[in-house]
N, C-alpha and C. Protein backbone atom coordinates (compact mmCIF):
# COMPACT_ATOMS: atom_id res chain seq x y z
N MET A 1 30.01 57.90 -96.20
CA MET A 1 29.01 57.41 -95.25
C MET A 1 27.96 58.47 -95.01
N GLY A 2 26.74 58.24 -95.46
CA GLY A 2 25.67 59.20 -95.26
C GLY A 2 24.93 58.94 -93.96
N VAL A 3 24.67 60.00 -93.21
CA VAL A 3 23.99 59.88 -91.91
C VAL A 3 22.84 60.88 -91.86
N THR A 4 21.65 60.38 -91.52
CA THR A 4 20.51 61.26 -91.26
C THR A 4 20.20 61.26 -89.77
N ILE A 5 20.06 62.44 -89.19
CA ILE A 5 19.57 62.58 -87.82
C ILE A 5 18.10 63.01 -87.93
N LEU A 6 17.20 62.15 -87.51
CA LEU A 6 15.77 62.40 -87.63
C LEU A 6 15.21 62.89 -86.30
N LEU A 7 14.59 64.07 -86.33
CA LEU A 7 14.04 64.69 -85.13
C LEU A 7 12.53 64.81 -85.26
N PRO A 8 11.75 63.93 -84.61
CA PRO A 8 10.29 64.11 -84.59
C PRO A 8 9.94 65.28 -83.68
N THR A 9 9.03 66.15 -84.13
CA THR A 9 8.68 67.32 -83.33
C THR A 9 7.18 67.56 -83.27
N TYR A 10 6.78 68.15 -82.15
CA TYR A 10 5.45 68.75 -82.01
C TYR A 10 5.58 69.88 -81.00
N ASN A 11 5.44 71.10 -81.46
CA ASN A 11 5.55 72.29 -80.62
C ASN A 11 6.85 72.32 -79.82
N GLU A 12 7.97 72.33 -80.54
CA GLU A 12 9.29 72.36 -79.91
C GLU A 12 10.05 73.64 -80.25
N GLU A 13 9.33 74.75 -80.38
CA GLU A 13 10.01 76.00 -80.76
C GLU A 13 11.03 76.45 -79.71
N GLU A 14 10.85 76.03 -78.46
CA GLU A 14 11.80 76.40 -77.41
C GLU A 14 13.13 75.66 -77.55
N ASN A 15 13.10 74.51 -78.22
CA ASN A 15 14.27 73.63 -78.19
C ASN A 15 14.92 73.36 -79.54
N ILE A 16 14.19 73.51 -80.64
CA ILE A 16 14.66 72.98 -81.91
C ILE A 16 15.94 73.65 -82.41
N ALA A 17 16.07 74.96 -82.21
CA ALA A 17 17.28 75.64 -82.67
C ALA A 17 18.52 75.14 -81.92
N LYS A 18 18.39 75.02 -80.60
CA LYS A 18 19.50 74.50 -79.79
C LYS A 18 19.83 73.07 -80.19
N MET A 19 18.80 72.28 -80.49
CA MET A 19 19.01 70.89 -80.87
C MET A 19 19.80 70.81 -82.17
N ILE A 20 19.41 71.60 -83.16
CA ILE A 20 20.10 71.58 -84.45
C ILE A 20 21.54 72.08 -84.29
N ASP A 21 21.72 73.13 -83.53
CA ASP A 21 23.08 73.66 -83.29
C ASP A 21 23.98 72.62 -82.62
N SER A 22 23.42 71.90 -81.64
CA SER A 22 24.23 70.92 -80.92
C SER A 22 24.65 69.77 -81.84
N ILE A 23 23.77 69.38 -82.76
CA ILE A 23 24.12 68.32 -83.71
C ILE A 23 25.22 68.80 -84.65
N ARG A 24 25.10 70.02 -85.12
CA ARG A 24 26.11 70.56 -86.05
C ARG A 24 27.46 70.77 -85.35
N SER A 25 27.43 70.94 -84.03
CA SER A 25 28.70 71.08 -83.31
C SER A 25 29.48 69.76 -83.30
N ILE A 26 28.77 68.64 -83.49
CA ILE A 26 29.43 67.33 -83.57
C ILE A 26 29.94 67.08 -84.98
N SER A 27 29.10 67.34 -85.98
CA SER A 27 29.50 67.20 -87.37
C SER A 27 28.55 67.97 -88.27
N LYS A 28 29.12 68.70 -89.21
CA LYS A 28 28.30 69.42 -90.18
C LYS A 28 27.94 68.53 -91.37
N LYS A 29 28.44 67.31 -91.37
CA LYS A 29 28.16 66.38 -92.47
C LYS A 29 26.84 65.64 -92.30
N TYR A 30 26.33 65.61 -91.07
CA TYR A 30 25.07 64.90 -90.84
C TYR A 30 23.91 65.65 -91.51
N LYS A 31 23.01 64.91 -92.12
CA LYS A 31 21.79 65.51 -92.66
C LYS A 31 20.76 65.55 -91.55
N ILE A 32 20.25 66.73 -91.24
CA ILE A 32 19.27 66.89 -90.16
C ILE A 32 17.88 67.02 -90.78
N THR A 33 17.01 66.09 -90.41
CA THR A 33 15.64 66.08 -90.91
C THR A 33 14.67 66.23 -89.74
N VAL A 34 13.85 67.26 -89.78
CA VAL A 34 12.81 67.47 -88.78
C VAL A 34 11.49 67.01 -89.37
N VAL A 35 10.84 66.05 -88.71
CA VAL A 35 9.51 65.62 -89.17
C VAL A 35 8.51 66.10 -88.13
N ASP A 36 7.64 66.98 -88.56
CA ASP A 36 6.78 67.71 -87.64
C ASP A 36 5.33 67.28 -87.73
N SER A 37 4.73 67.00 -86.55
CA SER A 37 3.35 66.51 -86.47
C SER A 37 2.36 67.65 -86.26
N ASN A 38 2.28 68.53 -87.25
CA ASN A 38 1.25 69.57 -87.24
C ASN A 38 1.38 70.52 -86.05
N SER A 39 2.60 71.00 -85.81
CA SER A 39 2.82 71.95 -84.71
C SER A 39 1.99 73.21 -84.90
N THR A 40 1.59 73.80 -83.78
CA THR A 40 0.84 75.04 -83.82
C THR A 40 1.71 76.25 -83.45
N ASP A 41 2.99 76.00 -83.22
CA ASP A 41 3.91 77.10 -82.91
C ASP A 41 4.88 77.29 -84.09
N ASN A 42 6.06 77.84 -83.83
CA ASN A 42 7.02 78.16 -84.89
C ASN A 42 8.09 77.11 -85.11
N THR A 43 7.84 75.87 -84.69
CA THR A 43 8.84 74.81 -84.84
C THR A 43 9.31 74.67 -86.29
N GLN A 44 8.38 74.53 -87.21
CA GLN A 44 8.75 74.33 -88.61
C GLN A 44 9.53 75.53 -89.17
N LYS A 45 9.06 76.72 -88.88
CA LYS A 45 9.71 77.93 -89.38
C LYS A 45 11.15 78.03 -88.88
N ILE A 46 11.35 77.77 -87.60
CA ILE A 46 12.70 77.85 -87.02
C ILE A 46 13.61 76.79 -87.63
N ALA A 47 13.10 75.57 -87.76
CA ALA A 47 13.91 74.49 -88.34
C ALA A 47 14.34 74.82 -89.77
N LYS A 48 13.43 75.40 -90.55
CA LYS A 48 13.78 75.79 -91.93
C LYS A 48 14.83 76.89 -91.95
N LEU A 49 14.67 77.87 -91.05
CA LEU A 49 15.65 78.95 -90.97
C LEU A 49 17.03 78.44 -90.57
N MET A 50 17.04 77.36 -89.79
CA MET A 50 18.30 76.75 -89.36
C MET A 50 18.92 75.87 -90.45
N GLY A 51 18.20 75.69 -91.56
CA GLY A 51 18.74 74.91 -92.67
C GLY A 51 18.47 73.43 -92.62
N ALA A 52 17.59 72.99 -91.72
CA ALA A 52 17.23 71.57 -91.65
C ALA A 52 16.20 71.25 -92.72
N GLN A 53 16.19 70.01 -93.17
CA GLN A 53 15.10 69.55 -94.02
C GLN A 53 13.87 69.40 -93.13
N VAL A 54 12.74 69.90 -93.56
CA VAL A 54 11.51 69.80 -92.78
C VAL A 54 10.48 69.00 -93.56
N ILE A 55 9.98 67.95 -92.93
CA ILE A 55 8.88 67.15 -93.47
C ILE A 55 7.69 67.39 -92.57
N ALA A 56 6.62 67.91 -93.13
CA ALA A 56 5.43 68.24 -92.33
C ALA A 56 4.30 67.27 -92.64
N ILE A 57 3.66 66.77 -91.59
CA ILE A 57 2.46 65.98 -91.78
C ILE A 57 1.31 66.71 -91.09
N ASN A 58 0.11 66.50 -91.58
CA ASN A 58 -1.03 67.27 -91.05
C ASN A 58 -1.81 66.51 -89.99
N LYS A 59 -1.14 65.52 -89.35
CA LYS A 59 -1.76 64.77 -88.27
C LYS A 59 -0.83 64.75 -87.07
N ARG A 60 -1.41 64.57 -85.88
CA ARG A 60 -0.62 64.41 -84.67
C ARG A 60 -0.19 62.96 -84.55
N GLY A 61 1.03 62.75 -84.04
CA GLY A 61 1.46 61.39 -83.75
C GLY A 61 2.93 61.17 -84.07
N LYS A 62 3.71 60.80 -83.06
CA LYS A 62 5.14 60.56 -83.25
C LYS A 62 5.37 59.38 -84.20
N GLY A 63 4.62 58.30 -83.99
CA GLY A 63 4.76 57.14 -84.86
C GLY A 63 4.40 57.46 -86.30
N LEU A 64 3.31 58.18 -86.50
CA LEU A 64 2.89 58.57 -87.85
C LEU A 64 3.98 59.41 -88.52
N ALA A 65 4.58 60.31 -87.76
CA ALA A 65 5.61 61.19 -88.30
C ALA A 65 6.83 60.39 -88.76
N VAL A 66 7.29 59.48 -87.91
CA VAL A 66 8.48 58.70 -88.25
C VAL A 66 8.19 57.77 -89.43
N LYS A 67 7.01 57.17 -89.46
CA LYS A 67 6.65 56.31 -90.59
C LYS A 67 6.72 57.10 -91.90
N HIS A 68 6.19 58.30 -91.89
CA HIS A 68 6.19 59.14 -93.08
C HIS A 68 7.63 59.49 -93.50
N ALA A 69 8.46 59.84 -92.51
CA ALA A 69 9.83 60.24 -92.81
C ALA A 69 10.66 59.09 -93.37
N LEU A 70 10.44 57.88 -92.85
CA LEU A 70 11.24 56.73 -93.30
C LEU A 70 11.07 56.45 -94.79
N GLN A 71 9.96 56.86 -95.35
CA GLN A 71 9.73 56.65 -96.78
C GLN A 71 10.63 57.53 -97.64
N ARG A 72 11.25 58.56 -97.02
CA ARG A 72 12.04 59.52 -97.77
C ARG A 72 13.52 59.51 -97.42
N ILE A 73 13.90 58.66 -96.47
CA ILE A 73 15.30 58.62 -96.02
C ILE A 73 16.05 57.51 -96.76
N THR A 74 17.26 57.83 -97.23
CA THR A 74 18.04 56.86 -98.02
C THR A 74 19.48 56.72 -97.54
N GLU A 75 19.87 57.44 -96.50
CA GLU A 75 21.27 57.42 -96.07
C GLU A 75 21.67 56.06 -95.47
N ASP A 76 22.96 55.85 -95.35
CA ASP A 76 23.50 54.58 -94.84
C ASP A 76 23.14 54.33 -93.38
N TYR A 77 23.06 55.41 -92.61
CA TYR A 77 22.78 55.29 -91.18
C TYR A 77 21.70 56.31 -90.78
N LEU A 78 20.91 55.91 -89.81
CA LEU A 78 19.82 56.76 -89.32
C LEU A 78 19.87 56.80 -87.80
N ILE A 79 19.85 58.01 -87.25
CA ILE A 79 19.71 58.20 -85.80
C ILE A 79 18.38 58.92 -85.57
N ILE A 80 17.50 58.31 -84.78
CA ILE A 80 16.25 58.96 -84.40
C ILE A 80 16.38 59.40 -82.94
N MET A 81 16.11 60.66 -82.67
CA MET A 81 16.19 61.11 -81.29
C MET A 81 15.19 62.23 -81.01
N ASP A 82 14.70 62.23 -79.78
CA ASP A 82 13.77 63.28 -79.36
C ASP A 82 14.44 64.64 -79.48
N SER A 83 13.64 65.65 -79.75
CA SER A 83 14.17 66.99 -80.02
C SER A 83 14.02 67.94 -78.84
N ASP A 84 13.85 67.39 -77.63
CA ASP A 84 13.59 68.23 -76.45
C ASP A 84 14.81 68.43 -75.56
N LEU A 85 16.01 68.14 -76.10
CA LEU A 85 17.29 68.36 -75.41
C LEU A 85 17.54 67.40 -74.27
N THR A 86 16.79 66.30 -74.19
CA THR A 86 16.98 65.35 -73.09
C THR A 86 18.03 64.29 -73.40
N TYR A 87 18.31 64.06 -74.68
CA TYR A 87 19.22 62.98 -75.08
C TYR A 87 20.56 63.55 -75.56
N PRO A 88 21.66 62.81 -75.34
CA PRO A 88 23.01 63.35 -75.58
C PRO A 88 23.47 63.25 -77.03
N VAL A 89 23.47 64.37 -77.70
CA VAL A 89 23.95 64.44 -79.09
C VAL A 89 25.41 63.96 -79.19
N LYS A 90 26.20 64.20 -78.14
CA LYS A 90 27.62 63.82 -78.18
C LYS A 90 27.82 62.32 -78.35
N LYS A 91 26.77 61.53 -78.11
CA LYS A 91 26.88 60.08 -78.24
C LYS A 91 26.70 59.59 -79.68
N ILE A 92 26.30 60.47 -80.59
CA ILE A 92 26.04 60.05 -81.97
C ILE A 92 27.23 59.32 -82.59
N PRO A 93 28.46 59.83 -82.48
CA PRO A 93 29.59 59.09 -83.06
C PRO A 93 29.75 57.67 -82.50
N GLN A 94 29.45 57.48 -81.21
CA GLN A 94 29.53 56.15 -80.62
C GLN A 94 28.45 55.23 -81.20
N PHE A 95 27.27 55.77 -81.41
CA PHE A 95 26.21 54.99 -82.07
C PHE A 95 26.68 54.52 -83.44
N LEU A 96 27.24 55.43 -84.21
CA LEU A 96 27.67 55.11 -85.58
C LEU A 96 28.79 54.07 -85.58
N GLU A 97 29.66 54.15 -84.61
CA GLU A 97 30.75 53.17 -84.52
C GLU A 97 30.19 51.78 -84.24
N LEU A 98 29.24 51.68 -83.32
CA LEU A 98 28.64 50.38 -82.98
C LEU A 98 27.80 49.82 -84.13
N LEU A 99 27.25 50.70 -84.95
CA LEU A 99 26.43 50.23 -86.07
C LEU A 99 27.27 49.60 -87.18
N LYS A 100 28.57 49.61 -87.04
CA LYS A 100 29.42 48.86 -87.97
C LYS A 100 29.32 47.36 -87.68
N ASN A 101 28.91 47.01 -86.45
CA ASN A 101 28.83 45.60 -86.05
C ASN A 101 27.43 45.15 -85.65
N PHE A 102 26.51 46.11 -85.46
CA PHE A 102 25.13 45.78 -85.08
C PHE A 102 24.17 46.44 -86.08
N ASP A 103 22.96 45.89 -86.13
CA ASP A 103 21.94 46.48 -86.99
C ASP A 103 21.27 47.69 -86.34
N VAL A 104 21.15 47.63 -85.01
CA VAL A 104 20.43 48.66 -84.26
C VAL A 104 21.19 48.97 -82.97
N ALA A 105 21.24 50.25 -82.61
CA ALA A 105 21.83 50.67 -81.33
C ALA A 105 20.79 51.51 -80.59
N ILE A 106 20.64 51.23 -79.30
CA ILE A 106 19.62 51.88 -78.48
C ILE A 106 20.28 52.57 -77.29
N GLY A 107 19.93 53.81 -77.07
CA GLY A 107 20.47 54.52 -75.91
C GLY A 107 19.73 54.13 -74.64
N SER A 108 20.45 53.64 -73.65
CA SER A 108 19.82 53.21 -72.40
C SER A 108 20.05 54.21 -71.28
N ARG A 109 18.96 54.83 -70.85
CA ARG A 109 19.04 55.77 -69.73
C ARG A 109 19.31 55.05 -68.43
N PHE A 110 18.81 53.83 -68.30
CA PHE A 110 18.92 53.09 -67.04
C PHE A 110 20.29 52.43 -66.87
N ARG A 111 21.03 52.29 -67.96
CA ARG A 111 22.41 51.83 -67.84
C ARG A 111 23.38 53.01 -67.75
N GLY A 112 22.85 54.20 -67.98
CA GLY A 112 23.66 55.41 -67.92
C GLY A 112 23.33 56.22 -66.69
N ASN A 113 22.93 57.48 -66.91
CA ASN A 113 22.66 58.38 -65.79
C ASN A 113 21.43 59.23 -66.09
N ILE A 114 20.49 59.24 -65.15
CA ILE A 114 19.28 60.04 -65.28
C ILE A 114 19.42 61.25 -64.35
N GLU A 115 19.41 62.43 -64.93
CA GLU A 115 19.56 63.66 -64.15
C GLU A 115 18.43 63.77 -63.13
N ASN A 116 18.76 64.25 -61.94
CA ASN A 116 17.76 64.41 -60.89
C ASN A 116 16.62 65.31 -61.38
N GLY A 117 15.41 64.79 -61.30
CA GLY A 117 14.25 65.54 -61.73
C GLY A 117 13.86 65.35 -63.18
N ALA A 118 14.67 64.60 -63.94
CA ALA A 118 14.36 64.38 -65.36
C ALA A 118 13.17 63.44 -65.55
N MET A 119 12.94 62.57 -64.57
CA MET A 119 11.79 61.67 -64.59
C MET A 119 11.03 61.78 -63.29
N THR A 120 9.71 61.85 -63.36
CA THR A 120 8.91 61.78 -62.15
C THR A 120 8.93 60.33 -61.65
N PRO A 121 8.63 60.09 -60.38
CA PRO A 121 8.58 58.70 -59.90
C PRO A 121 7.61 57.83 -60.70
N ILE A 122 6.47 58.39 -61.09
CA ILE A 122 5.50 57.61 -61.87
C ILE A 122 6.07 57.27 -63.24
N ASN A 123 6.73 58.24 -63.87
CA ASN A 123 7.33 58.02 -65.18
C ASN A 123 8.44 56.96 -65.11
N LYS A 124 9.25 57.03 -64.06
CA LYS A 124 10.33 56.06 -63.90
C LYS A 124 9.76 54.66 -63.69
N PHE A 125 8.77 54.54 -62.82
CA PHE A 125 8.13 53.24 -62.59
C PHE A 125 7.54 52.70 -63.89
N GLY A 126 6.87 53.56 -64.64
CA GLY A 126 6.26 53.14 -65.90
C GLY A 126 7.29 52.64 -66.89
N ASN A 127 8.41 53.34 -67.00
CA ASN A 127 9.47 52.91 -67.91
C ASN A 127 10.04 51.56 -67.52
N ILE A 128 10.26 51.36 -66.22
CA ILE A 128 10.82 50.09 -65.75
C ILE A 128 9.82 48.96 -65.98
N PHE A 129 8.54 49.22 -65.68
CA PHE A 129 7.51 48.20 -65.88
C PHE A 129 7.40 47.81 -67.36
N LEU A 130 7.35 48.78 -68.24
CA LEU A 130 7.21 48.49 -69.67
C LEU A 130 8.42 47.76 -70.22
N THR A 131 9.60 48.11 -69.71
CA THR A 131 10.82 47.43 -70.14
C THR A 131 10.80 45.97 -69.69
N MET A 132 10.41 45.72 -68.45
CA MET A 132 10.30 44.34 -67.97
C MET A 132 9.27 43.56 -68.77
N LEU A 133 8.14 44.20 -69.07
CA LEU A 133 7.09 43.54 -69.85
C LEU A 133 7.61 43.17 -71.24
N ALA A 134 8.35 44.08 -71.87
CA ALA A 134 8.91 43.81 -73.20
C ALA A 134 9.90 42.65 -73.15
N SER A 135 10.79 42.66 -72.16
CA SER A 135 11.81 41.62 -72.06
C SER A 135 11.19 40.25 -71.83
N LEU A 136 10.21 40.19 -70.92
CA LEU A 136 9.57 38.91 -70.60
C LEU A 136 8.69 38.41 -71.74
N THR A 137 7.95 39.32 -72.37
CA THR A 137 7.00 38.92 -73.41
C THR A 137 7.70 38.46 -74.68
N TYR A 138 8.83 39.09 -75.00
CA TYR A 138 9.51 38.78 -76.26
C TYR A 138 10.78 37.97 -76.09
N GLY A 139 11.18 37.70 -74.84
CA GLY A 139 12.34 36.85 -74.60
C GLY A 139 13.66 37.47 -75.02
N LYS A 140 13.72 38.79 -75.03
CA LYS A 140 14.95 39.50 -75.39
C LYS A 140 15.23 40.55 -74.32
N ASN A 141 16.41 40.47 -73.71
CA ASN A 141 16.74 41.41 -72.65
C ASN A 141 17.01 42.81 -73.20
N ILE A 142 16.35 43.77 -72.62
CA ILE A 142 16.56 45.17 -72.95
C ILE A 142 16.37 45.95 -71.66
N SER A 143 17.11 47.04 -71.48
CA SER A 143 17.05 47.78 -70.22
C SER A 143 16.25 49.07 -70.32
N ASP A 144 15.89 49.48 -71.55
CA ASP A 144 15.19 50.77 -71.71
C ASP A 144 14.40 50.77 -73.02
N VAL A 145 13.28 50.08 -73.02
CA VAL A 145 12.51 49.92 -74.26
C VAL A 145 11.86 51.22 -74.72
N CYS A 146 11.69 52.18 -73.83
CA CYS A 146 11.04 53.44 -74.19
C CYS A 146 12.04 54.56 -74.48
N SER A 147 13.29 54.21 -74.69
CA SER A 147 14.31 55.21 -75.00
C SER A 147 13.92 56.02 -76.24
N GLY A 148 14.26 57.30 -76.22
CA GLY A 148 13.97 58.16 -77.36
C GLY A 148 15.17 58.38 -78.25
N MET A 149 16.19 57.50 -78.17
CA MET A 149 17.38 57.63 -79.01
C MET A 149 17.76 56.27 -79.57
N TRP A 150 17.59 56.12 -80.89
CA TRP A 150 17.84 54.85 -81.58
C TRP A 150 18.70 55.09 -82.81
N GLY A 151 19.55 54.12 -83.12
CA GLY A 151 20.36 54.18 -84.33
C GLY A 151 20.14 52.94 -85.18
N PHE A 152 20.14 53.10 -86.51
CA PHE A 152 19.86 52.00 -87.42
C PHE A 152 20.80 52.04 -88.63
N THR A 153 21.17 50.86 -89.10
CA THR A 153 21.77 50.78 -90.42
C THR A 153 20.65 50.89 -91.46
N LYS A 154 21.02 51.14 -92.69
CA LYS A 154 20.00 51.21 -93.74
C LYS A 154 19.28 49.87 -93.89
N LYS A 155 20.04 48.79 -93.81
CA LYS A 155 19.46 47.45 -93.90
C LYS A 155 18.37 47.27 -92.84
N ALA A 156 18.62 47.79 -91.64
CA ALA A 156 17.66 47.62 -90.54
C ALA A 156 16.43 48.50 -90.71
N TYR A 157 16.62 49.80 -90.96
CA TYR A 157 15.44 50.67 -90.99
C TYR A 157 14.56 50.41 -92.21
N LYS A 158 15.13 49.81 -93.25
CA LYS A 158 14.30 49.46 -94.41
C LYS A 158 13.45 48.21 -94.14
N LYS A 159 13.80 47.44 -93.13
CA LYS A 159 13.02 46.25 -92.77
C LYS A 159 11.88 46.56 -91.79
N ILE A 160 11.98 47.71 -91.15
CA ILE A 160 11.04 48.03 -90.06
C ILE A 160 9.72 48.57 -90.59
N SER A 161 8.65 48.04 -90.04
CA SER A 161 7.30 48.50 -90.38
C SER A 161 6.72 49.24 -89.18
N ILE A 162 6.35 50.49 -89.39
CA ILE A 162 5.78 51.31 -88.32
C ILE A 162 4.26 51.27 -88.41
N ASN A 163 3.61 50.79 -87.35
CA ASN A 163 2.14 50.79 -87.31
C ASN A 163 1.60 51.43 -86.03
N ALA A 164 2.49 51.95 -85.20
CA ALA A 164 2.07 52.63 -83.97
C ALA A 164 1.94 54.12 -84.26
N PRO A 165 0.79 54.72 -84.03
CA PRO A 165 0.60 56.11 -84.40
C PRO A 165 1.23 57.14 -83.47
N HIS A 166 1.35 56.81 -82.20
CA HIS A 166 1.74 57.84 -81.22
C HIS A 166 2.99 57.44 -80.44
N PHE A 167 2.91 57.49 -79.11
CA PHE A 167 4.08 57.23 -78.28
C PHE A 167 4.41 55.74 -78.14
N GLU A 168 3.66 54.89 -78.83
CA GLU A 168 4.02 53.47 -78.86
C GLU A 168 5.18 53.22 -79.83
N LEU A 169 5.66 54.28 -80.46
CA LEU A 169 6.69 54.14 -81.50
C LEU A 169 7.88 53.30 -81.04
N GLU A 170 8.42 53.60 -79.86
CA GLU A 170 9.65 52.92 -79.43
C GLU A 170 9.43 51.42 -79.23
N VAL A 171 8.29 51.03 -78.65
CA VAL A 171 8.07 49.59 -78.50
C VAL A 171 7.77 48.95 -79.85
N ASN A 172 7.21 49.72 -80.77
CA ASN A 172 7.03 49.26 -82.15
C ASN A 172 8.40 48.93 -82.76
N LEU A 173 9.37 49.82 -82.54
CA LEU A 173 10.72 49.59 -83.05
C LEU A 173 11.33 48.33 -82.43
N PHE A 174 11.14 48.17 -81.12
CA PHE A 174 11.67 46.99 -80.43
C PHE A 174 11.05 45.70 -80.99
N VAL A 175 9.73 45.68 -81.12
CA VAL A 175 9.03 44.50 -81.64
C VAL A 175 9.54 44.16 -83.04
N GLN A 176 9.74 45.17 -83.86
CA GLN A 176 10.23 44.94 -85.22
C GLN A 176 11.66 44.40 -85.22
N CYS A 177 12.48 44.87 -84.29
CA CYS A 177 13.84 44.33 -84.17
C CYS A 177 13.80 42.83 -83.88
N VAL A 178 12.94 42.45 -82.93
CA VAL A 178 12.83 41.04 -82.55
C VAL A 178 12.28 40.21 -83.70
N LYS A 179 11.19 40.67 -84.30
CA LYS A 179 10.53 39.88 -85.35
C LYS A 179 11.36 39.76 -86.62
N ASN A 180 12.23 40.75 -86.87
CA ASN A 180 13.07 40.70 -88.06
C ASN A 180 14.46 40.13 -87.78
N GLY A 181 14.69 39.68 -86.54
CA GLY A 181 15.98 39.09 -86.19
C GLY A 181 17.14 40.06 -86.28
N LEU A 182 16.89 41.34 -86.01
CA LEU A 182 17.95 42.34 -86.08
C LEU A 182 18.83 42.28 -84.83
N ARG A 183 20.12 42.42 -85.03
CA ARG A 183 21.06 42.41 -83.90
C ARG A 183 21.11 43.82 -83.30
N PHE A 184 20.76 43.91 -82.01
CA PHE A 184 20.77 45.23 -81.38
C PHE A 184 21.66 45.24 -80.14
N CYS A 185 22.16 46.42 -79.83
CA CYS A 185 22.98 46.62 -78.63
C CYS A 185 22.46 47.87 -77.93
N GLU A 186 22.87 48.04 -76.67
CA GLU A 186 22.48 49.23 -75.91
C GLU A 186 23.72 50.03 -75.52
N ILE A 187 23.56 51.34 -75.49
CA ILE A 187 24.64 52.25 -75.13
C ILE A 187 24.21 53.04 -73.90
N PRO A 188 24.99 53.02 -72.82
CA PRO A 188 24.64 53.85 -71.67
C PRO A 188 24.66 55.33 -72.05
N ILE A 189 23.60 56.05 -71.71
CA ILE A 189 23.53 57.48 -72.05
C ILE A 189 23.06 58.29 -70.85
N GLU A 190 23.28 59.60 -70.93
CA GLU A 190 22.75 60.53 -69.94
C GLU A 190 21.37 61.00 -70.40
N TYR A 191 20.51 61.24 -69.43
CA TYR A 191 19.16 61.73 -69.72
C TYR A 191 18.92 62.97 -68.88
N LYS A 192 18.61 64.08 -69.55
CA LYS A 192 18.47 65.36 -68.85
C LYS A 192 17.02 65.83 -68.81
N LYS A 193 16.77 66.82 -67.98
CA LYS A 193 15.44 67.43 -67.93
C LYS A 193 15.11 68.03 -69.29
N ARG A 194 13.86 67.85 -69.72
CA ARG A 194 13.48 68.38 -71.01
C ARG A 194 13.23 69.89 -70.92
N GLY A 195 13.36 70.54 -72.07
CA GLY A 195 12.99 71.94 -72.17
C GLY A 195 11.51 72.03 -72.49
N GLY A 196 10.74 72.77 -71.70
CA GLY A 196 9.30 72.86 -71.93
C GLY A 196 8.54 71.77 -71.20
N LYS A 197 7.24 71.71 -71.46
CA LYS A 197 6.37 70.78 -70.75
C LYS A 197 6.42 69.38 -71.35
N THR A 198 6.31 68.38 -70.49
CA THR A 198 6.24 67.00 -70.96
C THR A 198 4.91 66.75 -71.67
N LYS A 199 4.96 65.83 -72.66
CA LYS A 199 3.75 65.52 -73.41
C LYS A 199 3.19 64.14 -73.06
N LEU A 200 3.91 63.40 -72.24
CA LEU A 200 3.48 62.05 -71.89
C LEU A 200 2.46 62.06 -70.76
N ARG A 201 1.49 61.14 -70.83
CA ARG A 201 0.48 60.97 -69.80
C ARG A 201 0.42 59.51 -69.38
N VAL A 202 -0.25 59.25 -68.24
CA VAL A 202 -0.39 57.87 -67.77
C VAL A 202 -1.09 57.02 -68.83
N SER A 203 -2.07 57.59 -69.51
CA SER A 203 -2.80 56.84 -70.54
C SER A 203 -1.88 56.39 -71.66
N ASP A 204 -0.81 57.15 -71.93
CA ASP A 204 0.15 56.73 -72.96
C ASP A 204 0.87 55.45 -72.53
N GLY A 205 1.20 55.36 -71.24
CA GLY A 205 1.84 54.14 -70.74
C GLY A 205 0.95 52.93 -70.89
N LEU A 206 -0.32 53.10 -70.60
CA LEU A 206 -1.27 51.98 -70.75
C LEU A 206 -1.40 51.57 -72.21
N ARG A 207 -1.38 52.56 -73.09
CA ARG A 207 -1.47 52.27 -74.53
C ARG A 207 -0.23 51.50 -75.00
N ILE A 208 0.93 51.88 -74.47
CA ILE A 208 2.18 51.21 -74.83
C ILE A 208 2.16 49.75 -74.36
N ALA A 209 1.71 49.52 -73.13
CA ALA A 209 1.62 48.15 -72.60
C ALA A 209 0.68 47.32 -73.45
N GLY A 210 -0.46 47.88 -73.81
CA GLY A 210 -1.42 47.17 -74.65
C GLY A 210 -0.83 46.81 -75.99
N TYR A 211 -0.04 47.71 -76.56
CA TYR A 211 0.60 47.43 -77.85
C TYR A 211 1.54 46.24 -77.75
N LEU A 212 2.37 46.23 -76.70
CA LEU A 212 3.32 45.13 -76.52
C LEU A 212 2.61 43.77 -76.47
N VAL A 213 1.55 43.71 -75.70
CA VAL A 213 0.82 42.44 -75.52
C VAL A 213 0.12 42.04 -76.81
N ARG A 214 -0.56 42.96 -77.45
CA ARG A 214 -1.30 42.65 -78.69
C ARG A 214 -0.40 42.15 -79.80
N ARG A 215 0.75 42.78 -79.95
CA ARG A 215 1.66 42.40 -81.04
C ARG A 215 2.35 41.07 -80.79
N ARG A 216 2.36 40.64 -79.53
CA ARG A 216 2.98 39.34 -79.23
C ARG A 216 1.98 38.20 -79.37
N PHE A 217 0.74 38.43 -78.95
CA PHE A 217 -0.23 37.34 -78.93
C PHE A 217 -1.35 37.53 -79.94
């Protein structure tokens, strides 16, 4: 069973070594791939020194990075997760177990536990609003559409088309799950404070909402 852990990065030199170490503490058999969106710090250098595969693109954008990486991934299972230490690496085996029966597994922060201070009130409101908008617009119940931890079977990730360039990536994944009839489940997870500064802005939330509506109508 081949497993790729895909880590999209942009200026994560503070976190990437710890992230790679934590994944290897779960299993040394996982292939760790860092896809980097033109970082200006030492993210790529550190990831290479840690022995991860590094895919570099010369443009900014989480969606662009993941789209590029998917063209090169061939393993049976794929876990995509943020590289800022906010998502629980220890849950990876549970994701893989559920992917024996589902096409897609999504980590739900709102069904799990959000560490105090990990989300600002505005960020929390935005996540809840976007999740409600996704559920109502597409007729599929989901509790955390903006989660940064997703698992896919090979059958599923090969069907997905990425057209969102930036932080709309997660709702792009959700829309593709619905449109391709993929069976998805949610896993309660813990969400911790990130290492370093947040990169999300209010304008990103508005862009995500616009994406959801445009792709539906």
